[in-house]
Amino acid sequence: ERDEDAWDRQFEEDVTAGKLDDLA
């Protein structure tokens, strides 16, 4: 659960920072 939560937080940070925009 801790690992999944950390992954979710990192994903949200990456989305917010625009790191996935090119892939989208």
PDBML (XML) file of the C-alpha atoms, coordinates in Angstrom:
<?xml version="1.0" encoding="UTF-8" ?>
<PDBx:datablock datablockName="MODEL"
   xmlns:PDBx="http://pdbml.pdb.org/schema/pdbx-v50.xsd"
   xmlns:xsi="http://www.w3.org/2001/XMLSchema-instance"
   xsi:schemaLocation="http://pdbml.pdb.org/schema/pdbx-v50.xsd pdbx-v50.xsd">
   <PDBx:atom_siteCategory>
      <PDBx:atom_site id="1">
         <PDBx:B_iso_or_equiv>0.00</PDBx:B_iso_or_equiv>
         <PDBx:Cartn_x>0.000</PDBx:Cartn_x>
         <PDBx:Cartn_y>0.000</PDBx:Cartn_y>
         <PDBx:Cartn_z>0.000</PDBx:Cartn_z>
         <PDBx:auth_asym_id>A</PDBx:auth_asym_id>
         <PDBx:auth_atom_id>CA</PDBx:auth_atom_id>
         <PDBx:auth_comp_id>GLU</PDBx:auth_comp_id>
         <PDBx:auth_seq_id>1</PDBx:auth_seq_id>
         <PDBx:group_PDB>ATOM</PDBx:group_PDB>
         <PDBx:label_alt_id xsi:nil="true" />
         <PDBx:label_asym_id>A</PDBx:label_asym_id>
         <PDBx:label_atom_id>CA</PDBx:label_atom_id>
         <PDBx:label_comp_id>GLU</PDBx:label_comp_id>
         <PDBx:label_entity_id>1</PDBx:label_entity_id>
         <PDBx:label_seq_id>1</PDBx:label_seq_id>
         <PDBx:occupancy>1.00</PDBx:occupancy>
         <PDBx:pdbx_PDB_model_num>1</PDBx:pdbx_PDB_model_num>
         <PDBx:type_symbol>C</PDBx:type_symbol>
      </PDBx:atom_site>
      <PDBx:atom_site id="2">
         <PDBx:B_iso_or_equiv>0.00</PDBx:B_iso_or_equiv>
         <PDBx:Cartn_x>2.827</PDBx:Cartn_x>
         <PDBx:Cartn_y>2.424</PDBx:Cartn_y>
         <PDBx:Cartn_z>0.845</PDBx:Cartn_z>
         <PDBx:auth_asym_id>A</PDBx:auth_asym_id>
         <PDBx:auth_atom_id>CA</PDBx:auth_atom_id>
         <PDBx:auth_comp_id>ARG</PDBx:auth_comp_id>
         <PDBx:auth_seq_id>2</PDBx:auth_seq_id>
         <PDBx:group_PDB>ATOM</PDBx:group_PDB>
         <PDBx:label_alt_id xsi:nil="true" />
         <PDBx:label_asym_id>A</PDBx:label_asym_id>
         <PDBx:label_atom_id>CA</PDBx:label_atom_id>
         <PDBx:label_comp_id>ARG</PDBx:label_comp_id>
         <PDBx:label_entity_id>1</PDBx:label_entity_id>
         <PDBx:label_seq_id>2</PDBx:label_seq_id>
         <PDBx:occupancy>1.00</PDBx:occupancy>
         <PDBx:pdbx_PDB_model_num>1</PDBx:pdbx_PDB_model_num>
         <PDBx:type_symbol>C</PDBx:type_symbol>
      </PDBx:atom_site>
      <PDBx:atom_site id="3">
         <PDBx:B_iso_or_equiv>0.00</PDBx:B_iso_or_equiv>
         <PDBx:Cartn_x>4.520</PDBx:Cartn_x>
         <PDBx:Cartn_y>1.661</PDBx:Cartn_y>
         <PDBx:Cartn_z>-2.471</PDBx:Cartn_z>
         <PDBx:auth_asym_id>A</PDBx:auth_asym_id>
         <PDBx:auth_atom_id>CA</PDBx:auth_atom_id>
         <PDBx:auth_comp_id>ASP</PDBx:auth_comp_id>
         <PDBx:auth_seq_id>3</PDBx:auth_seq_id>
         <PDBx:group_PDB>ATOM</PDBx:group_PDB>
         <PDBx:label_alt_id xsi:nil="true" />
         <PDBx:label_asym_id>A</PDBx:label_asym_id>
         <PDBx:label_atom_id>CA</PDBx:label_atom_id>
         <PDBx:label_comp_id>ASP</PDBx:label_comp_id>
         <PDBx:label_entity_id>1</PDBx:label_entity_id>
         <PDBx:label_seq_id>3</PDBx:label_seq_id>
         <PDBx:occupancy>1.00</PDBx:occupancy>
         <PDBx:pdbx_PDB_model_num>1</PDBx:pdbx_PDB_model_num>
         <PDBx:type_symbol>C</PDBx:type_symbol>
      </PDBx:atom_site>
      <PDBx:atom_site id="4">
         <PDBx:B_iso_or_equiv>0.00</PDBx:B_iso_or_equiv>
         <PDBx:Cartn_x>1.290</PDBx:Cartn_x>
         <PDBx:Cartn_y>2.159</PDBx:Cartn_y>
         <PDBx:Cartn_z>-4.426</PDBx:Cartn_z>
         <PDBx:auth_asym_id>A</PDBx:auth_asym_id>
         <PDBx:auth_atom_id>CA</PDBx:auth_atom_id>
         <PDBx:auth_comp_id>GLU</PDBx:auth_comp_id>
         <PDBx:auth_seq_id>4</PDBx:auth_seq_id>
         <PDBx:group_PDB>ATOM</PDBx:group_PDB>
         <PDBx:label_alt_id xsi:nil="true" />
         <PDBx:label_asym_id>A</PDBx:label_asym_id>
         <PDBx:label_atom_id>CA</PDBx:label_atom_id>
         <PDBx:label_comp_id>GLU</PDBx:label_comp_id>
         <PDBx:label_entity_id>1</PDBx:label_entity_id>
         <PDBx:label_seq_id>4</PDBx:label_seq_id>
         <PDBx:occupancy>1.00</PDBx:occupancy>
         <PDBx:pdbx_PDB_model_num>1</PDBx:pdbx_PDB_model_num>
         <PDBx:type_symbol>C</PDBx:type_symbol>
      </PDBx:atom_site>
      <PDBx:atom_site id="5">
         <PDBx:B_iso_or_equiv>0.00</PDBx:B_iso_or_equiv>
         <PDBx:Cartn_x>0.634</PDBx:Cartn_x>
         <PDBx:Cartn_y>5.458</PDBx:Cartn_y>
         <PDBx:Cartn_z>-2.645</PDBx:Cartn_z>
         <PDBx:auth_asym_id>A</PDBx:auth_asym_id>
         <PDBx:auth_atom_id>CA</PDBx:auth_atom_id>
         <PDBx:auth_comp_id>ASP</PDBx:auth_comp_id>
         <PDBx:auth_seq_id>5</PDBx:auth_seq_id>
         <PDBx:group_PDB>ATOM</PDBx:group_PDB>
         <PDBx:label_alt_id xsi:nil="true" />
         <PDBx:label_asym_id>A</PDBx:label_asym_id>
         <PDBx:label_atom_id>CA</PDBx:label_atom_id>
         <PDBx:label_comp_id>ASP</PDBx:label_comp_id>
         <PDBx:label_entity_id>1</PDBx:label_entity_id>
         <PDBx:label_seq_id>5</PDBx:label_seq_id>
         <PDBx:occupancy>1.00</PDBx:occupancy>
         <PDBx:pdbx_PDB_model_num>1</PDBx:pdbx_PDB_model_num>
         <PDBx:type_symbol>C</PDBx:type_symbol>
      </PDBx:atom_site>
      <PDBx:atom_site id="6">
         <PDBx:B_iso_or_equiv>0.00</PDBx:B_iso_or_equiv>
         <PDBx:Cartn_x>4.159</PDBx:Cartn_x>
         <PDBx:Cartn_y>6.656</PDBx:Cartn_y>
         <PDBx:Cartn_z>-3.448</PDBx:Cartn_z>
         <PDBx:auth_asym_id>A</PDBx:auth_asym_id>
         <PDBx:auth_atom_id>CA</PDBx:auth_atom_id>
         <PDBx:auth_comp_id>ALA</PDBx:auth_comp_id>
         <PDBx:auth_seq_id>6</PDBx:auth_seq_id>
         <PDBx:group_PDB>ATOM</PDBx:group_PDB>
         <PDBx:label_alt_id xsi:nil="true" />
         <PDBx:label_asym_id>A</PDBx:label_asym_id>
         <PDBx:label_atom_id>CA</PDBx:label_atom_id>
         <PDBx:label_comp_id>ALA</PDBx:label_comp_id>
         <PDBx:label_entity_id>1</PDBx:label_entity_id>
         <PDBx:label_seq_id>6</PDBx:label_seq_id>
         <PDBx:occupancy>1.00</PDBx:occupancy>
         <PDBx:pdbx_PDB_model_num>1</PDBx:pdbx_PDB_model_num>
         <PDBx:type_symbol>C</PDBx:type_symbol>
      </PDBx:atom_site>
      <PDBx:atom_site id="7">
         <PDBx:B_iso_or_equiv>0.00</PDBx:B_iso_or_equiv>
         <PDBx:Cartn_x>3.686</PDBx:Cartn_x>
         <PDBx:Cartn_y>5.674</PDBx:Cartn_y>
         <PDBx:Cartn_z>-7.109</PDBx:Cartn_z>
         <PDBx:auth_asym_id>A</PDBx:auth_asym_id>
         <PDBx:auth_atom_id>CA</PDBx:auth_atom_id>
         <PDBx:auth_comp_id>TRP</PDBx:auth_comp_id>
         <PDBx:auth_seq_id>7</PDBx:auth_seq_id>
         <PDBx:group_PDB>ATOM</PDBx:group_PDB>
         <PDBx:label_alt_id xsi:nil="true" />
         <PDBx:label_asym_id>A</PDBx:label_asym_id>
         <PDBx:label_atom_id>CA</PDBx:label_atom_id>
         <PDBx:label_comp_id>TRP</PDBx:label_comp_id>
         <PDBx:label_entity_id>1</PDBx:label_entity_id>
         <PDBx:label_seq_id>7</PDBx:label_seq_id>
         <PDBx:occupancy>1.00</PDBx:occupancy>
         <PDBx:pdbx_PDB_model_num>1</PDBx:pdbx_PDB_model_num>
         <PDBx:type_symbol>C</PDBx:type_symbol>
      </PDBx:atom_site>
      <PDBx:atom_site id="8">
         <PDBx:B_iso_or_equiv>0.00</PDBx:B_iso_or_equiv>
         <PDBx:Cartn_x>0.366</PDBx:Cartn_x>
         <PDBx:Cartn_y>7.548</PDBx:Cartn_y>
         <PDBx:Cartn_z>-7.247</PDBx:Cartn_z>
         <PDBx:auth_asym_id>A</PDBx:auth_asym_id>
         <PDBx:auth_atom_id>CA</PDBx:auth_atom_id>
         <PDBx:auth_comp_id>ASP</PDBx:auth_comp_id>
         <PDBx:auth_seq_id>8</PDBx:auth_seq_id>
         <PDBx:group_PDB>ATOM</PDBx:group_PDB>
         <PDBx:label_alt_id xsi:nil="true" />
         <PDBx:label_asym_id>A</PDBx:label_asym_id>
         <PDBx:label_atom_id>CA</PDBx:label_atom_id>
         <PDBx:label_comp_id>ASP</PDBx:label_comp_id>
         <PDBx:label_entity_id>1</PDBx:label_entity_id>
         <PDBx:label_seq_id>8</PDBx:label_seq_id>
         <PDBx:occupancy>1.00</PDBx:occupancy>
         <PDBx:pdbx_PDB_model_num>1</PDBx:pdbx_PDB_model_num>
         <PDBx:type_symbol>C</PDBx:type_symbol>
      </PDBx:atom_site>
      <PDBx:atom_site id="9">
         <PDBx:B_iso_or_equiv>0.00</PDBx:B_iso_or_equiv>
         <PDBx:Cartn_x>1.943</PDBx:Cartn_x>
         <PDBx:Cartn_y>10.673</PDBx:Cartn_y>
         <PDBx:Cartn_z>-5.724</PDBx:Cartn_z>
         <PDBx:auth_asym_id>A</PDBx:auth_asym_id>
         <PDBx:auth_atom_id>CA</PDBx:auth_atom_id>
         <PDBx:auth_comp_id>ARG</PDBx:auth_comp_id>
         <PDBx:auth_seq_id>9</PDBx:auth_seq_id>
         <PDBx:group_PDB>ATOM</PDBx:group_PDB>
         <PDBx:label_alt_id xsi:nil="true" />
         <PDBx:label_asym_id>A</PDBx:label_asym_id>
         <PDBx:label_atom_id>CA</PDBx:label_atom_id>
         <PDBx:label_comp_id>ARG</PDBx:label_comp_id>
         <PDBx:label_entity_id>1</PDBx:label_entity_id>
         <PDBx:label_seq_id>9</PDBx:label_seq_id>
         <PDBx:occupancy>1.00</PDBx:occupancy>
         <PDBx:pdbx_PDB_model_num>1</PDBx:pdbx_PDB_model_num>
         <PDBx:type_symbol>C</PDBx:type_symbol>
      </PDBx:atom_site>
      <PDBx:atom_site id="10">
         <PDBx:B_iso_or_equiv>0.00</PDBx:B_iso_or_equiv>
         <PDBx:Cartn_x>4.837</PDBx:Cartn_x>
         <PDBx:Cartn_y>10.558</PDBx:Cartn_y>
         <PDBx:Cartn_z>-8.194</PDBx:Cartn_z>
         <PDBx:auth_asym_id>A</PDBx:auth_asym_id>
         <PDBx:auth_atom_id>CA</PDBx:auth_atom_id>
         <PDBx:auth_comp_id>GLN</PDBx:auth_comp_id>
         <PDBx:auth_seq_id>10</PDBx:auth_seq_id>
         <PDBx:group_PDB>ATOM</PDBx:group_PDB>
         <PDBx:label_alt_id xsi:nil="true" />
         <PDBx:label_asym_id>A</PDBx:label_asym_id>
         <PDBx:label_atom_id>CA</PDBx:label_atom_id>
         <PDBx:label_comp_id>GLN</PDBx:label_comp_id>
         <PDBx:label_entity_id>1</PDBx:label_entity_id>
         <PDBx:label_seq_id>10</PDBx:label_seq_id>
         <PDBx:occupancy>1.00</PDBx:occupancy>
         <PDBx:pdbx_PDB_model_num>1</PDBx:pdbx_PDB_model_num>
         <PDBx:type_symbol>C</PDBx:type_symbol>
      </PDBx:atom_site>
      <PDBx:atom_site id="11">
         <PDBx:B_iso_or_equiv>0.00</PDBx:B_iso_or_equiv>
         <PDBx:Cartn_x>2.456</PDBx:Cartn_x>
         <PDBx:Cartn_y>10.087</PDBx:Cartn_y>
         <PDBx:Cartn_z>-11.123</PDBx:Cartn_z>
         <PDBx:auth_asym_id>A</PDBx:auth_asym_id>
         <PDBx:auth_atom_id>CA</PDBx:auth_atom_id>
         <PDBx:auth_comp_id>PHE</PDBx:auth_comp_id>
         <PDBx:auth_seq_id>11</PDBx:auth_seq_id>
         <PDBx:group_PDB>ATOM</PDBx:group_PDB>
         <PDBx:label_alt_id xsi:nil="true" />
         <PDBx:label_asym_id>A</PDBx:label_asym_id>
         <PDBx:label_atom_id>CA</PDBx:label_atom_id>
         <PDBx:label_comp_id>PHE</PDBx:label_comp_id>
         <PDBx:label_entity_id>1</PDBx:label_entity_id>
         <PDBx:label_seq_id>11</PDBx:label_seq_id>
         <PDBx:occupancy>1.00</PDBx:occupancy>
         <PDBx:pdbx_PDB_model_num>1</PDBx:pdbx_PDB_model_num>
         <PDBx:type_symbol>C</PDBx:type_symbol>
      </PDBx:atom_site>
      <PDBx:atom_site id="12">
         <PDBx:B_iso_or_equiv>0.00</PDBx:B_iso_or_equiv>
         <PDBx:Cartn_x>0.361</PDBx:Cartn_x>
         <PDBx:Cartn_y>13.075</PDBx:Cartn_y>
         <PDBx:Cartn_z>-10.020</PDBx:Cartn_z>
         <PDBx:auth_asym_id>A</PDBx:auth_asym_id>
         <PDBx:auth_atom_id>CA</PDBx:auth_atom_id>
         <PDBx:auth_comp_id>GLU</PDBx:auth_comp_id>
         <PDBx:auth_seq_id>12</PDBx:auth_seq_id>
         <PDBx:group_PDB>ATOM</PDBx:group_PDB>
         <PDBx:label_alt_id xsi:nil="true" />
         <PDBx:label_asym_id>A</PDBx:label_asym_id>
         <PDBx:label_atom_id>CA</PDBx:label_atom_id>
         <PDBx:label_comp_id>GLU</PDBx:label_comp_id>
         <PDBx:label_entity_id>1</PDBx:label_entity_id>
         <PDBx:label_seq_id>12</PDBx:label_seq_id>
         <PDBx:occupancy>1.00</PDBx:occupancy>
         <PDBx:pdbx_PDB_model_num>1</PDBx:pdbx_PDB_model_num>
         <PDBx:type_symbol>C</PDBx:type_symbol>
      </PDBx:atom_site>
      <PDBx:atom_site id="13">
         <PDBx:B_iso_or_equiv>0.00</PDBx:B_iso_or_equiv>
         <PDBx:Cartn_x>3.508</PDBx:Cartn_x>
         <PDBx:Cartn_y>15.195</PDBx:Cartn_y>
         <PDBx:Cartn_z>-9.632</PDBx:Cartn_z>
         <PDBx:auth_asym_id>A</PDBx:auth_asym_id>
         <PDBx:auth_atom_id>CA</PDBx:auth_atom_id>
         <PDBx:auth_comp_id>GLU</PDBx:auth_comp_id>
         <PDBx:auth_seq_id>13</PDBx:auth_seq_id>
         <PDBx:group_PDB>ATOM</PDBx:group_PDB>
         <PDBx:label_alt_id xsi:nil="true" />
         <PDBx:label_asym_id>A</PDBx:label_asym_id>
         <PDBx:label_atom_id>CA</PDBx:label_atom_id>
         <PDBx:label_comp_id>GLU</PDBx:label_comp_id>
         <PDBx:label_entity_id>1</PDBx:label_entity_id>
         <PDBx:label_seq_id>13</PDBx:label_seq_id>
         <PDBx:occupancy>1.00</PDBx:occupancy>
         <PDBx:pdbx_PDB_model_num>1</PDBx:pdbx_PDB_model_num>
         <PDBx:type_symbol>C</PDBx:type_symbol>
      </PDBx:atom_site>
      <PDBx:atom_site id="14">
         <PDBx:B_iso_or_equiv>0.00</PDBx:B_iso_or_equiv>
         <PDBx:Cartn_x>4.661</PDBx:Cartn_x>
         <PDBx:Cartn_y>14.181</PDBx:Cartn_y>
         <PDBx:Cartn_z>-13.117</PDBx:Cartn_z>
         <PDBx:auth_asym_id>A</PDBx:auth_asym_id>
         <PDBx:auth_atom_id>CA</PDBx:auth_atom_id>
         <PDBx:auth_comp_id>ASP</PDBx:auth_comp_id>
         <PDBx:auth_seq_id>14</PDBx:auth_seq_id>
         <PDBx:group_PDB>ATOM</PDBx:group_PDB>
         <PDBx:label_alt_id xsi:nil="true" />
         <PDBx:label_asym_id>A</PDBx:label_asym_id>
         <PDBx:label_atom_id>CA</PDBx:label_atom_id>
         <PDBx:label_comp_id>ASP</PDBx:label_comp_id>
         <PDBx:label_entity_id>1</PDBx:label_entity_id>
         <PDBx:label_seq_id>14</PDBx:label_seq_id>
         <PDBx:occupancy>1.00</PDBx:occupancy>
         <PDBx:pdbx_PDB_model_num>1</PDBx:pdbx_PDB_model_num>
         <PDBx:type_symbol>C</PDBx:type_symbol>
      </PDBx:atom_site>
      <PDBx:atom_site id="15">
         <PDBx:B_iso_or_equiv>0.00</PDBx:B_iso_or_equiv>
         <PDBx:Cartn_x>1.251</PDBx:Cartn_x>
         <PDBx:Cartn_y>14.996</PDBx:Cartn_y>
         <PDBx:Cartn_z>-14.628</PDBx:Cartn_z>
         <PDBx:auth_asym_id>A</PDBx:auth_asym_id>
         <PDBx:auth_atom_id>CA</PDBx:auth_atom_id>
         <PDBx:auth_comp_id>VAL</PDBx:auth_comp_id>
         <PDBx:auth_seq_id>15</PDBx:auth_seq_id>
         <PDBx:group_PDB>ATOM</PDBx:group_PDB>
         <PDBx:label_alt_id xsi:nil="true" />
         <PDBx:label_asym_id>A</PDBx:label_asym_id>
         <PDBx:label_atom_id>CA</PDBx:label_atom_id>
         <PDBx:label_comp_id>VAL</PDBx:label_comp_id>
         <PDBx:label_entity_id>1</PDBx:label_entity_id>
         <PDBx:label_seq_id>15</PDBx:label_seq_id>
         <PDBx:occupancy>1.00</PDBx:occupancy>
         <PDBx:pdbx_PDB_model_num>1</PDBx:pdbx_PDB_model_num>
         <PDBx:type_symbol>C</PDBx:type_symbol>
      </PDBx:atom_site>
      <PDBx:atom_site id="16">
         <PDBx:B_iso_or_equiv>0.00</PDBx:B_iso_or_equiv>
         <PDBx:Cartn_x>1.122</PDBx:Cartn_x>
         <PDBx:Cartn_y>18.361</PDBx:Cartn_y>
         <PDBx:Cartn_z>-12.866</PDBx:Cartn_z>
         <PDBx:auth_asym_id>A</PDBx:auth_asym_id>
         <PDBx:auth_atom_id>CA</PDBx:auth_atom_id>
         <PDBx:auth_comp_id>THR</PDBx:auth_comp_id>
         <PDBx:auth_seq_id>16</PDBx:auth_seq_id>
         <PDBx:group_PDB>ATOM</PDBx:group_PDB>
         <PDBx:label_alt_id xsi:nil="true" />
         <PDBx:label_asym_id>A</PDBx:label_asym_id>
         <PDBx:label_atom_id>CA</PDBx:label_atom_id>
         <PDBx:label_comp_id>THR</PDBx:label_comp_id>
         <PDBx:label_entity_id>1</PDBx:label_entity_id>
         <PDBx:label_seq_id>16</PDBx:label_seq_id>
         <PDBx:occupancy>1.00</PDBx:occupancy>
         <PDBx:pdbx_PDB_model_num>1</PDBx:pdbx_PDB_model_num>
         <PDBx:type_symbol>C</PDBx:type_symbol>
      </PDBx:atom_site>
      <PDBx:atom_site id="17">
         <PDBx:B_iso_or_equiv>0.00</PDBx:B_iso_or_equiv>
         <PDBx:Cartn_x>4.658</PDBx:Cartn_x>
         <PDBx:Cartn_y>19.170</PDBx:Cartn_y>
         <PDBx:Cartn_z>-14.020</PDBx:Cartn_z>
         <PDBx:auth_asym_id>A</PDBx:auth_asym_id>
         <PDBx:auth_atom_id>CA</PDBx:auth_atom_id>
         <PDBx:auth_comp_id>ALA</PDBx:auth_comp_id>
         <PDBx:auth_seq_id>17</PDBx:auth_seq_id>
         <PDBx:group_PDB>ATOM</PDBx:group_PDB>
         <PDBx:label_alt_id xsi:nil="true" />
         <PDBx:label_asym_id>A</PDBx:label_asym_id>
         <PDBx:label_atom_id>CA</PDBx:label_atom_id>
         <PDBx:label_comp_id>ALA</PDBx:label_comp_id>
         <PDBx:label_entity_id>1</PDBx:label_entity_id>
         <PDBx:label_seq_id>17</PDBx:label_seq_id>
         <PDBx:occupancy>1.00</PDBx:occupancy>
         <PDBx:pdbx_PDB_model_num>1</PDBx:pdbx_PDB_model_num>
         <PDBx:type_symbol>C</PDBx:type_symbol>
      </PDBx:atom_site>
      <PDBx:atom_site id="18">
         <PDBx:B_iso_or_equiv>0.00</PDBx:B_iso_or_equiv>
         <PDBx:Cartn_x>3.732</PDBx:Cartn_x>
         <PDBx:Cartn_y>18.343</PDBx:Cartn_y>
         <PDBx:Cartn_z>-17.622</PDBx:Cartn_z>
         <PDBx:auth_asym_id>A</PDBx:auth_asym_id>
         <PDBx:auth_atom_id>CA</PDBx:auth_atom_id>
         <PDBx:auth_comp_id>GLY</PDBx:auth_comp_id>
         <PDBx:auth_seq_id>18</PDBx:auth_seq_id>
         <PDBx:group_PDB>ATOM</PDBx:group_PDB>
         <PDBx:label_alt_id xsi:nil="true" />
         <PDBx:label_asym_id>A</PDBx:label_asym_id>
         <PDBx:label_atom_id>CA</PDBx:label_atom_id>
         <PDBx:label_comp_id>GLY</PDBx:label_comp_id>
         <PDBx:label_entity_id>1</PDBx:label_entity_id>
         <PDBx:label_seq_id>18</PDBx:label_seq_id>
         <PDBx:occupancy>1.00</PDBx:occupancy>
         <PDBx:pdbx_PDB_model_num>1</PDBx:pdbx_PDB_model_num>
         <PDBx:type_symbol>C</PDBx:type_symbol>
      </PDBx:atom_site>
      <PDBx:atom_site id="19">
         <PDBx:B_iso_or_equiv>0.00</PDBx:B_iso_or_equiv>
         <PDBx:Cartn_x>6.191</PDBx:Cartn_x>
         <PDBx:Cartn_y>15.473</PDBx:Cartn_y>
         <PDBx:Cartn_z>-17.880</PDBx:Cartn_z>
         <PDBx:auth_asym_id>A</PDBx:auth_asym_id>
         <PDBx:auth_atom_id>CA</PDBx:auth_atom_id>
         <PDBx:auth_comp_id>LYS</PDBx:auth_comp_id>
         <PDBx:auth_seq_id>19</PDBx:auth_seq_id>
         <PDBx:group_PDB>ATOM</PDBx:group_PDB>
         <PDBx:label_alt_id xsi:nil="true" />
         <PDBx:label_asym_id>A</PDBx:label_asym_id>
         <PDBx:label_atom_id>CA</PDBx:label_atom_id>
         <PDBx:label_comp_id>LYS</PDBx:label_comp_id>
         <PDBx:label_entity_id>1</PDBx:label_entity_id>
         <PDBx:label_seq_id>19</PDBx:label_seq_id>
         <PDBx:occupancy>1.00</PDBx:occupancy>
         <PDBx:pdbx_PDB_model_num>1</PDBx:pdbx_PDB_model_num>
         <PDBx:type_symbol>C</PDBx:type_symbol>
      </PDBx:atom_site>
      <PDBx:atom_site id="20">
         <PDBx:B_iso_or_equiv>0.00</PDBx:B_iso_or_equiv>
         <PDBx:Cartn_x>3.629</PDBx:Cartn_x>
         <PDBx:Cartn_y>13.290</PDBx:Cartn_y>
         <PDBx:Cartn_z>-19.662</PDBx:Cartn_z>
         <PDBx:auth_asym_id>A</PDBx:auth_asym_id>
         <PDBx:auth_atom_id>CA</PDBx:auth_atom_id>
         <PDBx:auth_comp_id>LEU</PDBx:auth_comp_id>
         <PDBx:auth_seq_id>20</PDBx:auth_seq_id>
         <PDBx:group_PDB>ATOM</PDBx:group_PDB>
         <PDBx:label_alt_id xsi:nil="true" />
         <PDBx:label_asym_id>A</PDBx:label_asym_id>
         <PDBx:label_atom_id>CA</PDBx:label_atom_id>
         <PDBx:label_comp_id>LEU</PDBx:label_comp_id>
         <PDBx:label_entity_id>1</PDBx:label_entity_id>
         <PDBx:label_seq_id>20</PDBx:label_seq_id>
         <PDBx:occupancy>1.00</PDBx:occupancy>
         <PDBx:pdbx_PDB_model_num>1</PDBx:pdbx_PDB_model_num>
         <PDBx:type_symbol>C</PDBx:type_symbol>
      </PDBx:atom_site>
      <PDBx:atom_site id="21">
         <PDBx:B_iso_or_equiv>0.00</PDBx:B_iso_or_equiv>
         <PDBx:Cartn_x>2.314</PDBx:Cartn_x>
         <PDBx:Cartn_y>15.915</PDBx:Cartn_y>
         <PDBx:Cartn_z>-22.077</PDBx:Cartn_z>
         <PDBx:auth_asym_id>A</PDBx:auth_asym_id>
         <PDBx:auth_atom_id>CA</PDBx:auth_atom_id>
         <PDBx:auth_comp_id>ASP</PDBx:auth_comp_id>
         <PDBx:auth_seq_id>21</PDBx:auth_seq_id>
         <PDBx:group_PDB>ATOM</PDBx:group_PDB>
         <PDBx:label_alt_id xsi:nil="true" />
         <PDBx:label_asym_id>A</PDBx:label_asym_id>
         <PDBx:label_atom_id>CA</PDBx:label_atom_id>
         <PDBx:label_comp_id>ASP</PDBx:label_comp_id>
         <PDBx:label_entity_id>1</PDBx:label_entity_id>
         <PDBx:label_seq_id>21</PDBx:label_seq_id>
         <PDBx:occupancy>1.00</PDBx:occupancy>
         <PDBx:pdbx_PDB_model_num>1</PDBx:pdbx_PDB_model_num>
         <PDBx:type_symbol>C</PDBx:type_symbol>
      </PDBx:atom_site>
      <PDBx:atom_site id="22">
         <PDBx:B_iso_or_equiv>0.00</PDBx:B_iso_or_equiv>
         <PDBx:Cartn_x>4.394</PDBx:Cartn_x>
         <PDBx:Cartn_y>14.691</PDBx:Cartn_y>
         <PDBx:Cartn_z>-25.032</PDBx:Cartn_z>
         <PDBx:auth_asym_id>A</PDBx:auth_asym_id>
         <PDBx:auth_atom_id>CA</PDBx:auth_atom_id>
         <PDBx:auth_comp_id>ASP</PDBx:auth_comp_id>
         <PDBx:auth_seq_id>22</PDBx:auth_seq_id>
         <PDBx:group_PDB>ATOM</PDBx:group_PDB>
         <PDBx:label_alt_id xsi:nil="true" />
         <PDBx:label_asym_id>A</PDBx:label_asym_id>
         <PDBx:label_atom_id>CA</PDBx:label_atom_id>
         <PDBx:label_comp_id>ASP</PDBx:label_comp_id>
         <PDBx:label_entity_id>1</PDBx:label_entity_id>
         <PDBx:label_seq_id>22</PDBx:label_seq_id>
         <PDBx:occupancy>1.00</PDBx:occupancy>
         <PDBx:pdbx_PDB_model_num>1</PDBx:pdbx_PDB_model_num>
         <PDBx:type_symbol>C</PDBx:type_symbol>
      </PDBx:atom_site>
      <PDBx:atom_site id="23">
         <PDBx:B_iso_or_equiv>0.00</PDBx:B_iso_or_equiv>
         <PDBx:Cartn_x>3.188</PDBx:Cartn_x>
         <PDBx:Cartn_y>11.115</PDBx:Cartn_y>
         <PDBx:Cartn_z>-24.504</PDBx:Cartn_z>
         <PDBx:auth_asym_id>A</PDBx:auth_asym_id>
         <PDBx:auth_atom_id>CA</PDBx:auth_atom_id>
         <PDBx:auth_comp_id>LEU</PDBx:auth_comp_id>
         <PDBx:auth_seq_id>23</PDBx:auth_seq_id>
         <PDBx:group_PDB>ATOM</PDBx:group_PDB>
         <PDBx:label_alt_id xsi:nil="true" />
         <PDBx:label_asym_id>A</PDBx:label_asym_id>
         <PDBx:label_atom_id>CA</PDBx:label_atom_id>
         <PDBx:label_comp_id>LEU</PDBx:label_comp_id>
         <PDBx:label_entity_id>1</PDBx:label_entity_id>
         <PDBx:label_seq_id>23</PDBx:label_seq_id>
         <PDBx:occupancy>1.00</PDBx:occupancy>
         <PDBx:pdbx_PDB_model_num>1</PDBx:pdbx_PDB_model_num>
         <PDBx:type_symbol>C</PDBx:type_symbol>
      </PDBx:atom_site>
      <PDBx:atom_site id="24">
         <PDBx:B_iso_or_equiv>0.00</PDBx:B_iso_or_equiv>
         <PDBx:Cartn_x>-0.429</PDBx:Cartn_x>
         <PDBx:Cartn_y>12.264</PDBx:Cartn_y>
         <PDBx:Cartn_z>-24.350</PDBx:Cartn_z>
         <PDBx:auth_asym_id>A</PDBx:auth_asym_id>
         <PDBx:auth_atom_id>CA</PDBx:auth_atom_id>
         <PDBx:auth_comp_id>ALA</PDBx:auth_comp_id>
         <PDBx:auth_seq_id>24</PDBx:auth_seq_id>
         <PDBx:group_PDB>ATOM</PDBx:group_PDB>
         <PDBx:label_alt_id xsi:nil="true" />
         <PDBx:label_asym_id>A</PDBx:label_asym_id>
         <PDBx:label_atom_id>CA</PDBx:label_atom_id>
         <PDBx:label_comp_id>ALA</PDBx:label_comp_id>
         <PDBx:label_entity_id>1</PDBx:label_entity_id>
         <PDBx:label_seq_id>24</PDBx:label_seq_id>
         <PDBx:occupancy>1.00</PDBx:occupancy>
         <PDBx:pdbx_PDB_model_num>1</PDBx:pdbx_PDB_model_num>
         <PDBx:type_symbol>C</PDBx:type_symbol>
      </PDBx:atom_site>
   </PDBx:atom_siteCategory>
</PDBx:datablock>
